[in-house]
Amino acid sequence: MFEQISPLQQVGLTVLAAAGAVWAVRLVRMLHRDRTEPTLPYVSGASLHAVPRQPSHAGETVELSAAERDAFADLVRQLMSRRG
């Protein structure tokens, strides 16, 4: 290999090069996997047993005042402008 360095240094260089190659291969595979898999895993309804169900208030309505409707519309506009 290299005549200028000792056999122990040659072994160390070989191990370091092999570790670097393994790291690079694993990094490429990890990045490729992240690109192909969905970012949010699918959560089935069966796995949500620990989350308590909220009572449904079907048919119940609440009247908002004009000021409350305007405040809500402003909030929605602010959130939409941050998103875009």
PDB file of N, CA and C in Angstrom:
ATOM      1  N   MET A   1       0.834  -1.174   0.000  1.00  0.00           N
ATOM      2  CA  MET A   1       0.000   0.000   0.000  1.00  0.00           C
ATOM      3  C   MET A   1       0.886   1.248   0.000  1.00  0.00           C
ATOM      4  N   PHE A   2       1.181   1.815   1.158  1.00  0.00           N
ATOM      5  CA  PHE A   2       2.071   2.971   1.248  1.00  0.00           C
ATOM      6  C   PHE A   2       3.318   2.544   1.997  1.00  0.00           C
ATOM      7  N   GLU A   3       4.479   2.791   1.415  1.00  0.00           N
ATOM      8  CA  GLU A   3       5.723   2.401   2.072  1.00  0.00           C
ATOM      9  C   GLU A   3       6.131   3.388   3.150  1.00  0.00           C
ATOM     10  N   GLN A   4       5.589   4.620   3.123  1.00  0.00           N
ATOM     11  CA  GLN A   4       6.010   5.645   4.065  1.00  0.00           C
ATOM     12  C   GLN A   4       5.365   5.486   5.451  1.00  0.00           C
ATOM     13  N   ILE A   5       4.271   4.734   5.566  1.00  0.00           N
ATOM     14  CA  ILE A   5       3.593   4.603   6.861  1.00  0.00           C
ATOM     15  C   ILE A   5       3.700   3.170   7.361  1.00  0.00           C
ATOM     16  N   SER A   6       3.580   3.008   8.669  1.00  0.00           N
ATOM     17  CA  SER A   6       3.745   1.693   9.283  1.00  0.00           C
ATOM     18  C   SER A   6       2.539   0.799   8.973  1.00  0.00           C
ATOM     19  N   PRO A   7       2.695  -0.507   9.157  1.00  0.00           N
ATOM     20  CA  PRO A   7       1.570  -1.423   8.919  1.00  0.00           C
ATOM     21  C   PRO A   7       0.366  -1.121   9.821  1.00  0.00           C
ATOM     22  N   LEU A   8       0.612  -0.681  11.039  1.00  0.00           N
ATOM     23  CA  LEU A   8      -0.489  -0.342  11.939  1.00  0.00           C
ATOM     24  C   LEU A   8      -1.263   0.869  11.397  1.00  0.00           C
ATOM     25  N   GLN A   9      -0.559   1.841  10.868  1.00  0.00           N
ATOM     26  CA  GLN A   9      -1.224   3.004  10.274  1.00  0.00           C
ATOM     27  C   GLN A   9      -1.993   2.601   9.010  1.00  0.00           C
ATOM     28  N   GLN A  10      -1.470   1.656   8.268  1.00  0.00           N
ATOM     29  CA  GLN A  10      -2.170   1.167   7.088  1.00  0.00           C
ATOM     30  C   GLN A  10      -3.487   0.483   7.470  1.00  0.00           C
ATOM     31  N   VAL A  11      -3.434  -0.316   8.536  1.00  0.00           N
ATOM     32  CA  VAL A  11      -4.660  -0.972   9.014  1.00  0.00           C
ATOM     33  C   VAL A  11      -5.662   0.082   9.480  1.00  0.00           C
ATOM     34  N   GLY A  12      -5.197   1.075  10.219  1.00  0.00           N
ATOM     35  CA  GLY A  12      -6.085   2.134  10.690  1.00  0.00           C
ATOM     36  C   GLY A  12      -6.705   2.902   9.532  1.00  0.00           C
ATOM     37  N   LEU A  13      -5.914   3.187   8.516  1.00  0.00           N
ATOM     38  CA  LEU A  13      -6.423   3.896   7.348  1.00  0.00           C
ATOM     39  C   LEU A  13      -7.454   3.049   6.609  1.00  0.00           C
ATOM     40  N   THR A  14      -7.220   1.753   6.518  1.00  0.00           N
ATOM     41  CA  THR A  14      -8.168   0.859   5.856  1.00  0.00           C
ATOM     42  C   THR A  14      -9.484   0.799   6.616  1.00  0.00           C
ATOM     43  N   VAL A  15      -9.397   0.675   7.952  1.00  0.00           N
ATOM     44  CA  VAL A  15     -10.608   0.629   8.774  1.00  0.00           C
ATOM     45  C   VAL A  15     -11.366   1.951   8.662  1.00  0.00           C
ATOM     46  N   LEU A  16     -10.668   3.056   8.695  1.00  0.00           N
ATOM     47  CA  LEU A  16     -11.304   4.362   8.583  1.00  0.00           C
ATOM     48  C   LEU A  16     -11.986   4.524   7.220  1.00  0.00           C
ATOM     49  N   ALA A  17     -11.331   4.085   6.161  1.00  0.00           N
ATOM     50  CA  ALA A  17     -11.927   4.177   4.827  1.00  0.00           C
ATOM     51  C   ALA A  17     -13.169   3.289   4.721  1.00  0.00           C
ATOM     52  N   ALA A  18     -13.109   2.082   5.291  1.00  0.00           N
ATOM     53  CA  ALA A  18     -14.261   1.186   5.248  1.00  0.00           C
ATOM     54  C   ALA A  18     -15.429   1.770   6.050  1.00  0.00           C
ATOM     55  N   ALA A  19     -15.138   2.343   7.226  1.00  0.00           N
ATOM     56  CA  ALA A  19     -16.199   2.954   8.033  1.00  0.00           C
ATOM     57  C   ALA A  19     -16.818   4.139   7.298  1.00  0.00           C
ATOM     58  N   GLY A  20     -16.007   4.917   6.619  1.00  0.00           N
ATOM     59  CA  GLY A  20     -16.534   6.035   5.836  1.00  0.00           C
ATOM     60  C   GLY A  20     -17.417   5.572   4.696  1.00  0.00           C
ATOM     61  N   ALA A  21     -17.028   4.490   4.041  1.00  0.00           N
ATOM     62  CA  ALA A  21     -17.834   3.955   2.946  1.00  0.00           C
ATOM     63  C   ALA A  21     -19.163   3.422   3.452  1.00  0.00           C
ATOM     64  N   VAL A  22     -19.147   2.711   4.581  1.00  0.00           N
ATOM     65  CA  VAL A  22     -20.391   2.201   5.173  1.00  0.00           C
ATOM     66  C   VAL A  22     -21.289   3.355   5.577  1.00  0.00           C
ATOM     67  N   TRP A  23     -20.722   4.391   6.184  1.00  0.00           N
ATOM     68  CA  TRP A  23     -21.507   5.556   6.596  1.00  0.00           C
ATOM     69  C   TRP A  23     -22.151   6.218   5.380  1.00  0.00           C
ATOM     70  N   ALA A  24     -21.408   6.374   4.311  1.00  0.00           N
ATOM     71  CA  ALA A  24     -21.942   7.023   3.112  1.00  0.00           C
ATOM     72  C   ALA A  24     -23.079   6.213   2.496  1.00  0.00           C
ATOM     73  N   VAL A  25     -22.921   4.899   2.436  1.00  0.00           N
ATOM     74  CA  VAL A  25     -23.964   4.040   1.870  1.00  0.00           C
ATOM     75  C   VAL A  25     -25.232   4.129   2.725  1.00  0.00           C
ATOM     76  N   ARG A  26     -25.076   4.075   4.048  1.00  0.00           N
ATOM     77  CA  ARG A  26     -26.249   4.162   4.929  1.00  0.00           C
ATOM     78  C   ARG A  26     -26.913   5.526   4.836  1.00  0.00           C
ATOM     79  N   LEU A  27     -26.138   6.585   4.693  1.00  0.00           N
ATOM     80  CA  LEU A  27     -26.703   7.922   4.561  1.00  0.00           C
ATOM     81  C   LEU A  27     -27.523   8.033   3.276  1.00  0.00           C
ATOM     82  N   VAL A  28     -26.991   7.513   2.178  1.00  0.00           N
ATOM     83  CA  VAL A  28     -27.720   7.564   0.909  1.00  0.00           C
ATOM     84  C   VAL A  28     -29.010   6.763   1.008  1.00  0.00           C
ATOM     85  N   ARG A  29     -28.963   5.589   1.621  1.00  0.00           N
ATOM     86  CA  ARG A  29     -30.175   4.776   1.767  1.00  0.00           C
ATOM     87  C   ARG A  29     -31.200   5.479   2.649  1.00  0.00           C
ATOM     88  N   MET A  30     -30.750   6.098   3.731  1.00  0.00           N
ATOM     89  CA  MET A  30     -31.663   6.794   4.632  1.00  0.00           C
ATOM     90  C   MET A  30     -32.334   7.966   3.917  1.00  0.00           C
ATOM     91  N   LEU A  31     -31.560   8.741   3.160  1.00  0.00           N
ATOM     92  CA  LEU A  31     -32.140   9.866   2.438  1.00  0.00           C
ATOM     93  C   LEU A  31     -33.105   9.400   1.352  1.00  0.00           C
ATOM     94  N   HIS A  32     -32.778   8.311   0.700  1.00  0.00           N
ATOM     95  CA  HIS A  32     -33.660   7.780  -0.327  1.00  0.00           C
ATOM     96  C   HIS A  32     -34.957   7.261   0.299  1.00  0.00           C
ATOM     97  N   ARG A  33     -34.863   6.592   1.430  1.00  0.00           N
ATOM     98  CA  ARG A  33     -36.041   6.072   2.115  1.00  0.00           C
ATOM     99  C   ARG A  33     -36.947   7.210   2.559  1.00  0.00           C
ATOM    100  N   ASP A  34     -36.363   8.299   3.081  1.00  0.00           N
ATOM    101  CA  ASP A  34     -37.162   9.433   3.528  1.00  0.00           C
ATOM    102  C   ASP A  34     -37.873  10.093   2.363  1.00  0.00           C
ATOM    103  N   ARG A  35     -37.296  10.034   1.198  1.00  0.00           N
ATOM    104  CA  ARG A  35     -37.917  10.661   0.039  1.00  0.00           C
ATOM    105  C   ARG A  35     -39.069   9.819  -0.487  1.00  0.00           C
ATOM    106  N   THR A  36     -39.019   8.492  -0.335  1.00  0.00           N
ATOM    107  CA  THR A  36     -40.045   7.621  -0.903  1.00  0.00           C
ATOM    108  C   THR A  36     -41.174   7.343   0.060  1.00  0.00           C
ATOM    109  N   GLU A  37     -40.944   7.384   1.373  1.00  0.00           N
ATOM    110  CA  GLU A  37     -41.994   7.104   2.340  1.00  0.00           C
ATOM    111  C   GLU A  37     -42.766   8.372   2.664  1.00  0.00           C
ATOM    112  N   PRO A  38     -44.052   8.221   2.989  1.00  0.00           N
ATOM    113  CA  PRO A  38     -44.815   9.407   3.383  1.00  0.00           C
ATOM    114  C   PRO A  38     -44.269   9.994   4.673  1.00  0.00           C
ATOM    115  N   THR A  39     -44.406  11.308   4.821  1.00  0.00           N
ATOM    116  CA  THR A  39     -43.848  11.956   5.993  1.00  0.00           C
ATOM    117  C   THR A  39     -44.648  11.666   7.250  1.00  0.00           C
ATOM    118  N   LEU A  40     -45.955  11.509   7.120  1.00  0.00           N
ATOM    119  CA  LEU A  40     -46.788  11.204   8.269  1.00  0.00           C
ATOM    120  C   LEU A  40     -47.300   9.780   8.141  1.00  0.00           C
ATOM    121  N   PRO A  41     -47.019   8.938   9.120  1.00  0.00           N
ATOM    122  CA  PRO A  41     -47.492   7.559   9.022  1.00  0.00           C
ATOM    123  C   PRO A  41     -49.007   7.500   9.161  1.00  0.00           C
ATOM    124  N   TYR A  42     -49.614   6.528   8.526  1.00  0.00           N
ATOM    125  CA  TYR A  42     -51.057   6.339   8.615  1.00  0.00           C
ATOM    126  C   TYR A  42     -51.384   5.818  10.001  1.00  0.00           C
ATOM    127  N   VAL A  43     -52.337   6.427  10.639  1.00  0.00           N
ATOM    128  CA  VAL A  43     -52.758   6.004  11.971  1.00  0.00           C
ATOM    129  C   VAL A  43     -54.153   5.448  11.844  1.00  0.00           C
ATOM    130  N   SER A  44     -54.298   4.170  12.133  1.00  0.00           N
ATOM    131  CA  SER A  44     -55.619   3.564  12.055  1.00  0.00           C
ATOM    132  C   SER A  44     -56.411   3.926  13.301  1.00  0.00           C
ATOM    133  N   GLY A  45     -57.709   3.829  13.202  1.00  0.00           N
ATOM    134  CA  GLY A  45     -58.575   4.134  14.335  1.00  0.00           C
ATOM    135  C   GLY A  45     -58.358   3.180  15.502  1.00  0.00           C
ATOM    136  N   ALA A  46     -57.884   1.968  15.216  1.00  0.00           N
ATOM    137  CA  ALA A  46     -57.698   0.989  16.275  1.00  0.00           C
ATOM    138  C   ALA A  46     -56.586   1.385  17.244  1.00  0.00           C
ATOM    139  N   SER A  47     -55.632   2.182  16.794  1.00  0.00           N
ATOM    140  CA  SER A  47     -54.515   2.544  17.662  1.00  0.00           C
ATOM    141  C   SER A  47     -54.816   3.766  18.523  1.00  0.00           C
ATOM    142  N   LEU A  48     -56.011   4.330  18.404  1.00  0.00           N
ATOM    143  CA  LEU A  48     -56.349   5.530  19.149  1.00  0.00           C
ATOM    144  C   LEU A  48     -57.233   5.245  20.362  1.00  0.00           C
ATOM    145  N   HIS A  49     -57.184   4.034  20.881  1.00  0.00           N
ATOM    146  CA  HIS A  49     -58.023   3.697  22.037  1.00  0.00           C
ATOM    147  C   HIS A  49     -57.616   4.471  23.284  1.00  0.00           C
ATOM    148  N   ALA A  50     -56.367   4.864  23.381  1.00  0.00           N
ATOM    149  CA  ALA A  50     -55.910   5.576  24.573  1.00  0.00           C
ATOM    150  C   ALA A  50     -56.397   7.018  24.600  1.00  0.00           C
ATOM    151  N   VAL A  51     -56.809   7.537  23.463  1.00  0.00           N
ATOM    152  CA  VAL A  51     -57.292   8.914  23.400  1.00  0.00           C
ATOM    153  C   VAL A  51     -58.780   8.905  23.732  1.00  0.00           C
ATOM    154  N   PRO A  52     -59.188   9.615  24.781  1.00  0.00           N
ATOM    155  CA  PRO A  52     -60.614   9.596  25.122  1.00  0.00           C
ATOM    156  C   PRO A  52     -61.440  10.321  24.074  1.00  0.00           C
ATOM    157  N   ARG A  53     -62.604   9.809  23.833  1.00  0.00           N
ATOM    158  CA  ARG A  53     -63.494  10.437  22.856  1.00  0.00           C
ATOM    159  C   ARG A  53     -64.126  11.675  23.464  1.00  0.00           C
ATOM    160  N   GLN A  54     -64.243  12.702  22.652  1.00  0.00           N
ATOM    161  CA  GLN A  54     -64.891  13.928  23.082  1.00  0.00           C
ATOM    162  C   GLN A  54     -66.385  13.775  22.864  1.00  0.00           C
ATOM    163  N   PRO A  55     -67.179  14.323  23.779  1.00  0.00           N
ATOM    164  CA  PRO A  55     -68.621  14.228  23.563  1.00  0.00           C
ATOM    165  C   PRO A  55     -69.018  15.057  22.339  1.00  0.00           C
ATOM    166  N   SER A  56     -69.895  14.498  21.546  1.00  0.00           N
ATOM    167  CA  SER A  56     -70.325  15.233  20.355  1.00  0.00           C
ATOM    168  C   SER A  56     -71.548  16.053  20.710  1.00  0.00           C
ATOM    169  N   HIS A  57     -71.586  17.228  20.210  1.00  0.00           N
ATOM    170  CA  HIS A  57     -72.712  18.127  20.448  1.00  0.00           C
ATOM    171  C   HIS A  57     -73.401  18.369  19.112  1.00  0.00           C
ATOM    172  N   ALA A  58     -73.897  17.302  18.535  1.00  0.00           N
ATOM    173  CA  ALA A  58     -74.530  17.386  17.218  1.00  0.00           C
ATOM    174  C   ALA A  58     -75.759  18.278  17.291  1.00  0.00           C
ATOM    175  N   GLY A  59     -75.850  19.165  16.366  1.00  0.00           N
ATOM    176  CA  GLY A  59     -77.006  20.041  16.294  1.00  0.00           C
ATOM    177  C   GLY A  59     -76.904  21.264  17.175  1.00  0.00           C
ATOM    178  N   GLU A  60     -75.887  21.346  17.991  1.00  0.00           N
ATOM    179  CA  GLU A  60     -75.742  22.495  18.881  1.00  0.00           C
ATOM    180  C   GLU A  60     -75.014  23.603  18.140  1.00  0.00           C
ATOM    181  N   THR A  61     -75.555  24.781  18.128  1.00  0.00           N
ATOM    182  CA  THR A  61     -74.943  25.909  17.441  1.00  0.00           C
ATOM    183  C   THR A  61     -74.739  27.052  18.422  1.00  0.00           C
ATOM    184  N   VAL A  62     -73.784  27.875  18.132  1.00  0.00           N
ATOM    185  CA  VAL A  62     -73.490  29.047  18.949  1.00  0.00           C
ATOM    186  C   VAL A  62     -73.500  30.248  18.021  1.00  0.00           C
ATOM    187  N   GLU A  63     -74.242  31.250  18.377  1.00  0.00           N
ATOM    188  CA  GLU A  63     -74.300  32.471  17.579  1.00  0.00           C
ATOM    189  C   GLU A  63     -73.116  33.368  17.949  1.00  0.00           C
ATOM    190  N   LEU A  64     -72.424  33.879  16.927  1.00  0.00           N
ATOM    191  CA  LEU A  64     -71.300  34.782  17.149  1.00  0.00           C
ATOM    192  C   LEU A  64     -71.742  36.207  16.872  1.00  0.00           C
ATOM    193  N   SER A  65     -71.170  37.094  17.625  1.00  0.00           N
ATOM    194  CA  SER A  65     -71.452  38.505  17.368  1.00  0.00           C
ATOM    195  C   SER A  65     -70.668  38.945  16.137  1.00  0.00           C
ATOM    196  N   ALA A  66     -70.977  40.111  15.618  1.00  0.00           N
ATOM    197  CA  ALA A  66     -70.274  40.626  14.443  1.00  0.00           C
ATOM    198  C   ALA A  66     -68.792  40.826  14.743  1.00  0.00           C
ATOM    199  N   ALA A  67     -68.468  41.295  15.945  1.00  0.00           N
ATOM    200  CA  ALA A  67     -67.064  41.490  16.313  1.00  0.00           C
ATOM    201  C   ALA A  67     -66.326  40.162  16.382  1.00  0.00           C
ATOM    202  N   GLU A  68     -66.989  39.131  16.893  1.00  0.00           N
ATOM    203  CA  GLU A  68     -66.356  37.812  16.968  1.00  0.00           C
ATOM    204  C   GLU A  68     -66.130  37.236  15.574  1.00  0.00           C
ATOM    205  N   ARG A  69     -67.104  37.411  14.675  1.00  0.00           N
ATOM    206  CA  ARG A  69     -66.935  36.932  13.295  1.00  0.00           C
ATOM    207  C   ARG A  69     -65.786  37.652  12.612  1.00  0.00           C
ATOM    208  N   ASP A  70     -65.680  38.970  12.815  1.00  0.00           N
ATOM    209  CA  ASP A  70     -64.583  39.740  12.221  1.00  0.00           C
ATOM    210  C   ASP A  70     -63.234  39.303  12.777  1.00  0.00           C
ATOM    211  N   ALA A  71     -63.177  39.067  14.107  1.00  0.00           N
ATOM    212  CA  ALA A  71     -61.927  38.623  14.722  1.00  0.00           C
ATOM    213  C   ALA A  71     -61.516  37.252  14.180  1.00  0.00           C
ATOM    214  N   PHE A  72     -62.496  36.366  13.998  1.00  0.00           N
ATOM    215  CA  PHE A  72     -62.195  35.046  13.462  1.00  0.00           C
ATOM    216  C   PHE A  72     -61.722  35.147  12.015  1.00  0.00           C
ATOM    217  N   ALA A  73     -62.358  35.987  11.226  1.00  0.00           N
ATOM    218  CA  ALA A  73     -61.945  36.167   9.837  1.00  0.00           C
ATOM    219  C   ALA A  73     -60.527  36.729   9.764  1.00  0.00           C
ATOM    220  N   ASP A  74     -60.190  37.671  10.648  1.00  0.00           N
ATOM    221  CA  ASP A  74     -58.825  38.208  10.687  1.00  0.00           C
ATOM    222  C   ASP A  74     -57.815  37.125  11.043  1.00  0.00           C
ATOM    223  N   LEU A  75     -58.176  36.294  12.014  1.00  0.00           N
ATOM    224  CA  LEU A  75     -57.281  35.206  12.419  1.00  0.00           C
ATOM    225  C   LEU A  75     -57.038  34.247  11.253  1.00  0.00           C
ATOM    226  N   VAL A  76     -58.089  33.899  10.539  1.00  0.00           N
ATOM    227  CA  VAL A  76     -57.943  32.988   9.403  1.00  0.00           C
ATOM    228  C   VAL A  76     -57.060  33.622   8.333  1.00  0.00           C
ATOM    229  N   ARG A  77     -57.249  34.910   8.052  1.00  0.00           N
ATOM    230  CA  ARG A  77     -56.406  35.596   7.058  1.00  0.00           C
ATOM    231  C   ARG A  77     -54.942  35.591   7.480  1.00  0.00           C
ATOM    232  N   GLN A  78     -54.672  35.832   8.775  1.00  0.00           N
ATOM    233  CA  GLN A  78     -53.288  35.820   9.264  1.00  0.00           C
ATOM    234  C   GLN A  78     -52.653  34.456   9.100  1.00  0.00           C
ATOM    235  N   LEU A  79     -53.405  33.421   9.453  1.00  0.00           N
ATOM    236  CA  LEU A  79     -52.861  32.060   9.335  1.00  0.00           C
ATOM    237  C   LEU A  79     -52.622  31.688   7.878  1.00  0.00           C
ATOM    238  N   MET A  80     -53.518  32.095   7.006  1.00  0.00           N
ATOM    239  CA  MET A  80     -53.352  31.767   5.587  1.00  0.00           C
ATOM    240  C   MET A  80     -52.184  32.542   4.983  1.00  0.00           C
ATOM    241  N   SER A  81     -51.939  33.768   5.433  1.00  0.00           N
ATOM    242  CA  SER A  81     -50.820  34.534   4.879  1.00  0.00           C
ATOM    243  C   SER A  81     -49.484  33.955   5.337  1.00  0.00           C
ATOM    244  N   ARG A  82     -49.415  33.404   6.519  1.00  0.00           N
ATOM    245  CA  ARG A  82     -48.181  32.757   6.993  1.00  0.00           C
ATOM    246  C   ARG A  82     -47.902  31.488   6.221  1.00  0.00           C
ATOM    247  N   ARG A  83     -48.949  30.814   5.827  1.00  0.00           N
ATOM    248  CA  ARG A  83     -48.816  29.539   5.144  1.00  0.00           C
ATOM    249  C   ARG A  83     -48.317  29.697   3.715  1.00  0.00           C
ATOM    250  N   GLY A  84     -48.730  30.728   3.054  1.00  0.00           N
ATOM    251  CA  GLY A  84     -48.398  30.914   1.643  1.00  0.00           C
ATOM    252  C   GLY A  84     -47.153  31.635   1.477  1.00  0.00           C
TER     253      GLY A  84
END
